[in-house]
Amino acid sequence: MGLFDARASFRQAEHRSARKSTVPPRSLQSRRNGVKTDVSRLFEACSATPHSARPRPQPGPALSASPPSAPAETGCDVFDDAAIYCRISKDEEGDAHGVANQEEKCRKLAYTLGFEVGEVFTDNDIGASDKTGRIEDAPRPSYDRMLADVRSGRFNRIVAYSNSRITRRMLQLEELIQLHEETGAQIFTVVSGNDDLSTADGQRVARIKASVDAAESARIS
């Protein structure tokens, strides 16, 4: 082979190598052809669809100028007015410290239960038993006024430190049960629990407690 033939063979080999490097693989060329076909079909579909019939993006919710304000903290929900009743049989010091202590604890209970205190009724240095000899001489004016307000609809809840602060007489308990039946008023106490006067079991428990209080009053009088 002469020098001229060797150079010709070398150029032919370079040409074949260049052609191989510029022609993409068959699989890649097929994918490119497929993409071109899909784009063509999409263009044809868009051209055939009227502009008015094309779906339009829906507007999102309007953005408020300022974020919503957080709800105010009120401690607890207020349901309705409650009356607080405080009573001490004997205030030997005359400083009303006992009824003031009862009021403080009753207010805490009312707040826990979500009641708004409408008024505090206080009978200081006044007994609640017919054994003290003081019922006829010194009736409980605040107690009677509170019951009148309950009957008028001003209050439907009574909060007291204990059942014995309200009454130590069985007859007065029956009057309270009748008051509940007439008005739906309920009694809540700090240390004696809450007797549901709307049920027979609740009334039975309340009568048992009242009998114990009456016996205690008779024993110490």
Protein backbone atom coordinates (compact mmCIF):
# COMPACT_ATOMS: atom_id res chain seq x y z
CA MET A 1 0.00 0.00 0.00
CA GLY A 2 1.42 3.37 -0.97
CA LEU A 3 1.52 6.52 1.08
CA PHE A 4 -1.43 7.96 -0.79
CA ASP A 5 -3.60 4.86 -0.12
CA ALA A 6 -2.69 4.91 3.58
CA ARG A 7 -3.77 8.54 3.92
CA ALA A 8 -7.05 7.80 2.12
CA SER A 9 -7.80 4.87 4.43
CA PHE A 10 -7.04 7.02 7.50
CA ARG A 11 -9.42 9.77 6.30
CA GLN A 12 -12.17 7.24 5.66
CA ALA A 13 -11.79 5.87 9.22
CA GLU A 14 -11.98 9.42 10.68
CA HIS A 15 -15.12 10.13 8.66
CA ARG A 16 -16.83 6.97 9.89
CA SER A 17 -15.89 7.83 13.52
CA ALA A 18 -17.30 11.36 13.18
CA ARG A 19 -20.57 10.04 11.79
CA LYS A 20 -20.96 7.67 14.73
CA SER A 21 -20.38 10.47 17.29
CA THR A 22 -23.00 12.79 15.70
CA VAL A 23 -25.81 10.27 15.22
CA PRO A 24 -27.76 9.75 18.45
CA PRO A 25 -28.60 6.24 19.63
CA ARG A 26 -31.74 4.76 18.21
CA SER A 27 -33.61 4.71 21.51
CA LEU A 28 -32.82 8.39 22.19
CA GLN A 29 -33.84 9.33 18.68
CA SER A 30 -37.14 7.47 19.15
CA ARG A 31 -37.90 9.34 22.38
CA ARG A 32 -37.19 12.64 20.67
CA ASN A 33 -39.54 11.75 17.83
CA GLY A 34 -42.23 10.78 20.39
CA VAL A 35 -41.95 14.11 22.19
CA LYS A 36 -42.26 15.97 18.92
CA THR A 37 -45.37 13.97 18.10
CA ASP A 38 -46.99 14.71 21.51
CA VAL A 39 -46.25 18.42 21.19
CA SER A 40 -47.76 18.45 17.73
CA ARG A 41 -50.92 16.75 18.93
CA LEU A 42 -51.27 19.17 21.87
CA PHE A 43 -50.84 22.16 19.57
CA GLU A 44 -53.49 20.81 17.20
CA ALA A 45 -55.95 20.20 20.10
CA CYS A 46 -55.48 23.71 21.45
CA SER A 47 -55.96 25.19 18.03
CA ALA A 48 -59.20 23.26 17.51
CA THR A 49 -60.70 24.31 20.93
CA PRO A 50 -62.35 27.77 21.03
CA HIS A 51 -60.72 30.17 23.46
CA SER A 52 -63.99 30.73 25.36
CA ALA A 53 -64.40 27.00 26.04
CA ARG A 54 -61.03 26.53 27.62
CA PRO A 55 -61.09 26.06 31.42
CA ARG A 56 -59.96 29.02 33.40
CA PRO A 57 -58.28 28.90 36.80
CA GLN A 58 -60.65 29.62 39.69
CA PRO A 59 -59.73 32.52 41.95
CA GLY A 60 -58.61 31.53 45.44
CA PRO A 61 -59.99 32.97 48.68
CA ALA A 62 -59.36 36.63 49.15
CA LEU A 63 -56.55 37.44 51.52
CA SER A 64 -57.55 39.55 54.46
CA ALA A 65 -55.66 42.72 55.10
CA SER A 66 -54.92 41.68 58.67
CA PRO A 67 -54.96 38.31 60.48
CA PRO A 68 -58.05 37.51 62.59
CA SER A 69 -57.78 38.62 66.15
CA ALA A 70 -57.55 35.99 68.87
CA PRO A 71 -60.59 35.52 71.13
CA ALA A 72 -60.44 37.36 74.39
CA GLU A 73 -59.59 35.32 77.46
CA THR A 74 -62.41 35.49 80.00
CA GLY A 75 -61.25 32.87 82.51
CA CYS A 76 -64.41 30.78 82.32
CA ASP A 77 -67.78 30.94 80.61
CA VAL A 78 -70.50 32.83 82.49
CA PHE A 79 -73.80 30.97 82.59
CA ASP A 80 -76.17 33.01 84.75
CA ASP A 81 -76.41 34.87 88.03
CA ALA A 82 -75.99 33.07 91.32
CA ALA A 83 -76.75 34.19 94.84
CA ILE A 84 -74.25 33.55 97.63
CA TYR A 85 -75.62 32.97 101.11
CA CYS A 86 -73.42 33.28 104.22
CA ARG A 87 -74.48 32.75 107.82
CA ILE A 88 -72.87 32.45 111.26
CA SER A 89 -74.93 31.55 114.31
CA LYS A 90 -72.75 33.30 116.86
CA ASP A 91 -70.28 36.03 116.04
CA GLU A 92 -68.70 36.37 119.46
CA GLU A 93 -65.97 38.73 118.24
CA GLY A 94 -68.42 40.89 116.33
CA ASP A 95 -66.02 41.32 113.39
CA ALA A 96 -67.99 39.28 110.79
CA HIS A 97 -64.80 37.34 110.04
CA GLY A 98 -66.68 34.04 109.73
CA VAL A 99 -69.14 35.21 107.06
CA ALA A 100 -66.34 36.96 105.18
CA ASN A 101 -64.39 33.69 105.07
CA GLN A 102 -67.48 31.87 103.79
CA GLU A 103 -68.01 34.47 101.08
CA GLU A 104 -64.44 34.10 99.83
CA LYS A 105 -64.75 30.33 99.48
CA CYS A 106 -68.19 30.58 97.90
CA ARG A 107 -66.89 33.03 95.32
CA LYS A 108 -64.12 30.62 94.39
CA LEU A 109 -66.67 27.82 93.93
CA ALA A 110 -68.93 30.06 91.84
CA TYR A 111 -66.00 31.03 89.61
CA THR A 112 -65.02 27.37 89.18
CA LEU A 113 -68.58 26.46 88.17
CA GLY A 114 -68.79 29.40 85.78
CA PHE A 115 -71.43 31.34 87.71
CA GLU A 116 -71.58 35.11 87.90
CA VAL A 117 -72.32 36.24 91.42
CA GLY A 118 -75.25 38.63 91.42
CA GLU A 119 -75.43 39.38 95.14
CA VAL A 120 -74.17 38.14 98.48
CA PHE A 121 -76.80 37.65 101.18
CA THR A 122 -75.45 37.60 104.73
CA ASP A 123 -77.10 36.81 108.06
CA ASN A 124 -74.41 37.33 110.66
CA ASP A 125 -74.87 36.22 114.28
CA ILE A 126 -78.23 34.59 113.47
CA GLY A 127 -79.11 30.95 114.10
CA ALA A 128 -80.93 28.69 111.67
CA SER A 129 -82.37 26.18 114.11
CA ASP A 130 -85.58 26.29 116.10
CA LYS A 131 -83.57 25.04 119.09
CA THR A 132 -81.65 28.27 119.56
CA GLY A 133 -84.65 30.27 120.70
CA ARG A 134 -83.71 33.01 118.24
CA ILE A 135 -85.85 32.20 115.20
CA GLU A 136 -88.89 34.22 116.28
CA ASP A 137 -86.85 37.00 117.90
CA ALA A 138 -84.43 37.47 114.97
CA PRO A 139 -85.64 36.03 111.67
CA ARG A 140 -83.17 35.76 108.82
CA PRO A 141 -83.99 38.81 106.71
CA SER A 142 -81.29 38.21 104.08
CA TYR A 143 -82.31 34.57 103.70
CA ASP A 144 -85.96 35.51 103.18
CA ARG A 145 -85.02 38.23 100.69
CA MET A 146 -82.83 35.78 98.76
CA LEU A 147 -85.68 33.28 98.46
CA ALA A 148 -87.97 36.04 97.25
CA ASP A 149 -85.43 36.94 94.53
CA VAL A 150 -85.22 33.29 93.50
CA ARG A 151 -89.00 33.11 93.20
CA SER A 152 -89.01 36.26 91.09
CA GLY A 153 -86.53 34.69 88.67
CA ARG A 154 -83.56 36.90 89.52
CA PHE A 155 -81.45 33.91 90.57
CA ASN A 156 -81.67 30.19 89.85
CA ARG A 157 -78.57 29.07 91.74
CA ILE A 158 -77.68 29.39 95.41
CA VAL A 159 -74.09 28.95 96.55
CA ALA A 160 -73.33 28.38 100.24
CA TYR A 161 -70.45 27.07 102.30
CA SER A 162 -72.48 24.08 103.54
CA ASN A 163 -76.05 22.86 103.79
CA SER A 164 -76.12 23.75 107.50
CA ARG A 165 -75.42 27.41 106.60
CA ILE A 166 -78.70 27.44 104.69
CA THR A 167 -80.86 25.55 107.18
CA ARG A 168 -80.82 23.15 110.08
CA ARG A 169 -84.54 22.57 109.99
CA MET A 170 -86.24 19.74 108.15
CA LEU A 171 -89.26 21.93 107.47
CA GLN A 172 -87.13 24.54 105.72
CA LEU A 173 -85.50 21.86 103.59
CA GLU A 174 -88.94 20.80 102.37
CA GLU A 175 -89.58 24.44 101.50
CA LEU A 176 -86.34 24.48 99.47
CA ILE A 177 -87.37 21.33 97.63
CA GLN A 178 -90.71 22.94 96.83
CA LEU A 179 -88.85 26.08 95.69
CA HIS A 180 -86.83 23.95 93.29
CA GLU A 181 -89.96 22.33 91.91
CA GLU A 182 -91.45 25.78 91.31
CA THR A 183 -88.40 27.56 89.89
CA GLY A 184 -85.79 24.92 89.03
CA ALA A 185 -83.27 26.58 91.38
CA GLN A 186 -80.33 24.44 92.50
CA ILE A 187 -78.11 24.63 95.59
CA PHE A 188 -74.31 24.28 95.42
CA THR A 189 -72.07 24.08 98.48
CA VAL A 190 -68.35 24.18 99.15
CA VAL A 191 -68.14 21.24 101.56
CA SER A 192 -71.54 19.48 101.50
CA GLY A 193 -71.67 18.60 97.83
CA ASN A 194 -74.41 19.37 95.34
CA ASP A 195 -77.70 17.54 95.84
CA ASP A 196 -79.81 17.24 92.72
CA LEU A 197 -83.22 18.21 94.05
CA SER A 198 -84.84 17.24 90.74
CA THR A 199 -84.44 13.52 91.50
CA ALA A 200 -85.81 11.31 94.27
CA ASP A 201 -82.31 10.14 95.20
CA GLY A 202 -81.05 13.71 95.40
CA GLN A 203 -83.91 14.72 97.67
CA ARG A 204 -83.33 11.65 99.87
CA VAL A 205 -79.64 12.55 100.32
CA ALA A 206 -80.55 16.16 101.11
CA ARG A 207 -83.04 15.02 103.75
CA ILE A 208 -80.45 12.75 105.34
CA LYS A 209 -77.98 15.63 105.56
CA ALA A 210 -80.64 17.93 106.98
CA SER A 211 -81.54 15.38 109.66
CA VAL A 212 -77.87 15.11 110.66
CA ASP A 213 -77.60 18.92 110.87
CA ALA A 214 -80.78 19.11 112.93
CA ALA A 215 -79.48 16.45 115.33
CA GLU A 216 -76.18 18.28 115.66
CA SER A 217 -78.00 21.52 116.43
CA ALA A 218 -80.11 19.80 119.10
CA ARG A 219 -76.99 18.27 120.64
CA ILE A 220 -75.02 21.51 121.02
CA SER A 221 -77.94 23.78 121.98
